[in-house]
Amino acid sequence: MIVTRRTLLVPLRGSAPIVSLSGRSALPPTGNLRIRGRHQSGQRWFGEGVPSIDVHMPAGLFSAQSETVLAEELAGVALRAEGLEPTPFLLGKSWVFVHRYQPSSVRTGLGTVAEDAVRIQILAPQGRLGAQARATLIREATEIVVRMTGDPTQAERTFVLIGETAESVWGLAGLTGEALVAWAVERSRSESAGSAGLC
C-alpha cells in the first residue's frame, strides 16, 4: 500500500486556479472543443468524460517544473488514447493528482525499500479504450516518466494502471447524467455568447 504524505492537484496550462470547495468554483471555464477535427459543444465531453489521473511518486523525484510538465504530458496522451484532441478546454478538465510519499513508504515483497517507485493510475470512460489503445497509453506514460527522470532504468520502477468508470458513477459540479449535460451545454452557450460580444 502506498502511504500518501502530501497531495497536490496540478492545474494544467491555460486552466483556472484550483481552490477548495469552501472558496470559489474550482471549475475552469467551459467552451467549444474539437473532436477528430469537428467543433462540438460541451455535450459530448460531459456525456463521455475525460481521464482522471493519479501519480504516486517519492518526494523529491521530480522538480516542481517537471511535475507540471509530467501532468500536462500525461493528460495529453490519455486524451489522445481516447481519440480526443488535447485542446486547452479538455486539458483544463483533465485533472492530475500528484501524491508525494516518503521514499521509505513503499516496500517490495522482500521487505526492502522500493526505491523511486512510481505508480500512475488513469481512469477513462468505460469502453473508450481498446486493447491497443491501453497498450500504447501504458508505454507512452512510462516513456514520459523515464524522460522526466533522465534514467532509462526508471521504466522498471514505473507501474501504470488503467481503470474504467461507467457514466453513472462520476459527476462534476455536484451533477451527473442528463443534469450534468444540460449544465455543460448552458455554460458553453453562455460563454460562447459572451465571447461573441467581445468581437
Protein backbone atom coordinates (compact mmCIF):
# COMPACT_ATOMS: atom_id res chain seq x y z
CA MET A 1 0.00 0.00 0.00
CA ILE A 2 1.32 3.44 -0.89
CA VAL A 3 1.21 5.91 2.01
CA THR A 4 0.47 9.41 0.77
CA ARG A 5 2.07 12.18 2.75
CA ARG A 6 1.15 15.13 0.59
CA THR A 7 -1.26 15.61 -2.26
CA LEU A 8 -1.20 18.33 -4.90
CA LEU A 9 -3.73 18.98 -7.64
CA VAL A 10 -1.78 20.36 -10.58
CA PRO A 11 -3.77 22.83 -12.71
CA LEU A 12 -2.74 22.42 -16.33
CA ARG A 13 -1.60 25.29 -18.52
CA GLY A 14 -4.45 27.58 -19.51
CA SER A 15 -6.83 26.38 -16.78
CA ALA A 16 -8.22 28.36 -13.89
CA PRO A 17 -6.65 28.04 -10.41
CA ILE A 18 -7.95 25.13 -8.36
CA VAL A 19 -9.40 26.12 -4.98
CA SER A 20 -11.19 24.29 -2.20
CA LEU A 21 -14.94 23.76 -2.09
CA SER A 22 -15.16 26.39 0.63
CA GLY A 23 -13.89 29.03 -1.77
CA ARG A 24 -14.80 29.93 -5.33
CA SER A 25 -15.50 27.36 -8.00
CA ALA A 26 -12.58 25.14 -8.93
CA LEU A 27 -14.00 24.61 -12.39
CA PRO A 28 -12.20 26.16 -15.37
CA PRO A 29 -14.47 27.83 -17.95
CA THR A 30 -16.16 25.60 -20.48
CA GLY A 31 -16.24 26.26 -24.19
CA ASN A 32 -16.17 24.52 -27.54
CA LEU A 33 -13.95 21.53 -28.15
CA ARG A 34 -12.55 19.88 -31.21
CA ILE A 35 -13.04 16.13 -31.53
CA ARG A 36 -11.44 14.44 -34.52
CA GLY A 37 -11.43 17.74 -36.40
CA ARG A 38 -15.03 18.79 -35.61
CA HIS A 39 -16.14 21.56 -33.27
CA GLN A 40 -18.81 20.50 -30.84
CA SER A 41 -20.36 21.90 -27.68
CA GLY A 42 -19.52 20.54 -24.24
CA GLN A 43 -22.34 17.98 -24.58
CA ARG A 44 -20.25 15.13 -25.97
CA TRP A 45 -17.48 15.63 -23.47
CA PHE A 46 -19.80 15.57 -20.46
CA GLY A 47 -21.59 12.56 -21.87
CA GLU A 48 -18.34 10.59 -22.12
CA GLY A 49 -15.97 12.06 -19.57
CA VAL A 50 -12.26 12.83 -19.61
CA PRO A 51 -9.44 10.97 -17.87
CA SER A 52 -8.68 11.38 -14.19
CA ILE A 53 -5.06 10.68 -13.34
CA ASP A 54 -3.27 9.94 -10.07
CA VAL A 55 0.52 9.86 -9.88
CA HIS A 56 2.21 8.41 -6.78
CA MET A 57 5.90 9.25 -6.55
CA PRO A 58 8.62 9.60 -3.92
CA ALA A 59 9.09 13.13 -2.67
CA GLY A 60 11.97 14.83 -4.47
CA LEU A 61 11.97 12.61 -7.55
CA PHE A 62 10.78 15.50 -9.74
CA SER A 63 11.21 19.25 -9.50
CA ALA A 64 8.08 21.43 -9.36
CA GLN A 65 8.57 22.36 -13.02
CA SER A 66 9.00 18.71 -14.02
CA GLU A 67 5.80 17.80 -12.17
CA THR A 68 3.88 20.39 -14.19
CA VAL A 69 5.28 19.05 -17.47
CA LEU A 70 4.57 15.50 -16.31
CA ALA A 71 0.93 16.39 -15.63
CA GLU A 72 0.49 18.12 -18.99
CA GLU A 73 2.02 15.28 -20.98
CA LEU A 74 0.15 12.53 -19.15
CA ALA A 75 -3.16 14.32 -19.70
CA GLY A 76 -2.31 14.75 -23.38
CA VAL A 77 -1.51 11.09 -24.05
CA ALA A 78 -4.57 9.96 -22.08
CA LEU A 79 -6.86 12.18 -24.15
CA ARG A 80 -5.31 11.02 -27.41
CA ALA A 81 -5.76 7.41 -26.32
CA GLU A 82 -9.49 8.15 -26.07
CA GLY A 83 -9.48 9.65 -29.57
CA LEU A 84 -9.80 13.22 -28.29
CA GLU A 85 -7.63 16.15 -29.32
CA PRO A 86 -5.89 17.64 -26.23
CA THR A 87 -7.34 21.14 -26.58
CA PRO A 88 -7.00 23.69 -23.75
CA PHE A 89 -10.65 23.04 -22.86
CA LEU A 90 -10.12 19.31 -22.38
CA LEU A 91 -6.72 19.71 -20.72
CA GLY A 92 -8.34 22.08 -18.24
CA LYS A 93 -10.84 19.37 -17.31
CA SER A 94 -8.24 16.57 -17.10
CA TRP A 95 -7.04 16.83 -13.52
CA VAL A 96 -3.81 15.17 -12.40
CA PHE A 97 -3.45 14.43 -8.69
CA VAL A 98 0.18 14.26 -7.59
CA HIS A 99 0.78 12.21 -4.45
CA ARG A 100 4.23 12.51 -2.88
CA TYR A 101 5.18 9.79 -0.40
CA GLN A 102 8.19 9.37 1.83
CA PRO A 103 10.82 7.23 0.00
CA SER A 104 10.70 4.52 2.67
CA SER A 105 6.90 4.13 2.46
CA VAL A 106 6.88 1.61 -0.41
CA ARG A 107 8.29 -1.86 0.14
CA THR A 108 8.86 -4.87 -2.06
CA GLY A 109 7.61 -8.35 -1.23
CA LEU A 110 11.08 -8.98 0.21
CA GLY A 111 10.61 -6.18 2.72
CA THR A 112 13.19 -3.92 1.09
CA VAL A 113 12.52 -0.31 0.12
CA ALA A 114 11.22 0.03 -3.44
CA GLU A 115 13.39 2.95 -4.46
CA ASP A 116 11.94 5.55 -6.85
CA ALA A 117 8.75 3.55 -7.38
CA VAL A 118 6.18 5.45 -9.45
CA ARG A 119 2.55 4.40 -9.77
CA ILE A 120 0.28 6.02 -12.34
CA GLN A 121 -3.45 5.31 -12.30
CA ILE A 122 -5.54 6.54 -15.23
CA LEU A 123 -9.34 6.34 -15.11
CA ALA A 124 -11.02 6.52 -18.51
CA PRO A 125 -14.69 6.33 -19.55
CA GLN A 126 -15.91 2.76 -19.84
CA GLY A 127 -15.46 1.24 -23.29
CA ARG A 128 -13.37 4.08 -24.72
CA LEU A 129 -10.01 2.26 -24.73
CA GLY A 130 -9.38 -0.87 -26.77
CA ALA A 131 -6.51 -3.26 -26.12
CA GLN A 132 -4.14 -1.44 -28.48
CA ALA A 133 -5.03 1.97 -27.03
CA ARG A 134 -4.37 0.70 -23.50
CA ALA A 135 -1.02 -0.79 -24.52
CA THR A 136 0.01 2.46 -26.21
CA LEU A 137 -1.09 4.54 -23.23
CA ILE A 138 0.90 2.38 -20.80
CA ARG A 139 4.01 2.62 -22.99
CA GLU A 140 3.73 6.38 -23.53
CA ALA A 141 3.04 7.13 -19.85
CA THR A 142 6.12 5.11 -18.91
CA GLU A 143 8.22 6.91 -21.51
CA ILE A 144 7.15 10.29 -20.09
CA VAL A 145 8.34 9.33 -16.61
CA VAL A 146 11.63 7.99 -17.99
CA ARG A 147 12.19 11.19 -19.94
CA MET A 148 11.42 13.37 -16.90
CA THR A 149 13.90 11.46 -14.71
CA GLY A 150 16.54 11.04 -17.40
CA ASP A 151 17.06 7.45 -16.24
CA PRO A 152 16.20 4.61 -18.67
CA THR A 153 16.04 2.12 -15.78
CA GLN A 154 13.13 4.10 -14.29
CA ALA A 155 10.87 2.14 -16.67
CA GLU A 156 11.38 -0.91 -14.42
CA ARG A 157 10.11 1.11 -11.46
CA THR A 158 7.06 2.66 -13.14
CA PHE A 159 3.72 0.89 -12.75
CA VAL A 160 0.80 2.07 -14.90
CA LEU A 161 -2.74 1.01 -14.05
CA ILE A 162 -5.70 1.80 -16.32
CA GLY A 163 -9.23 1.65 -14.94
CA GLU A 164 -12.66 2.37 -16.42
CA THR A 165 -15.59 4.28 -14.97
CA ALA A 166 -19.21 3.90 -16.04
CA GLU A 167 -21.14 7.06 -16.95
CA SER A 168 -23.41 6.72 -13.92
CA VAL A 169 -20.63 6.71 -11.31
CA TRP A 170 -18.93 10.06 -11.92
CA GLY A 171 -20.02 13.68 -11.81
CA LEU A 172 -18.88 17.29 -11.71
CA ALA A 173 -20.25 20.40 -10.02
CA GLY A 174 -22.43 18.09 -7.93
CA LEU A 175 -24.21 16.87 -11.07
CA THR A 176 -24.30 13.69 -13.11
CA GLY A 177 -26.13 12.21 -16.08
CA GLU A 178 -28.56 14.42 -18.00
CA ALA A 179 -28.37 17.21 -15.41
CA LEU A 180 -24.62 17.46 -15.96
CA VAL A 181 -25.04 17.50 -19.75
CA ALA A 182 -27.63 20.28 -19.51
CA TRP A 183 -25.34 22.32 -17.24
CA ALA A 184 -22.39 21.88 -19.61
CA VAL A 185 -24.40 22.91 -22.67
CA GLU A 186 -25.72 26.01 -20.89
CA ARG A 187 -22.23 27.00 -19.76
CA SER A 188 -20.91 26.51 -23.28
CA ARG A 189 -23.69 28.61 -24.83
CA SER A 190 -23.39 31.46 -22.35
CA GLU A 191 -19.63 31.69 -22.69
CA SER A 192 -19.82 31.49 -26.48
CA ALA A 193 -22.30 34.38 -26.45
CA GLY A 194 -20.00 36.36 -24.18
CA SER A 195 -17.03 35.77 -26.46
CA ALA A 196 -19.04 36.85 -29.49
CA GLY A 197 -19.93 40.10 -27.75
CA LEU A 198 -16.25 40.92 -27.35
CA CYS A 199 -15.54 40.55 -31.08
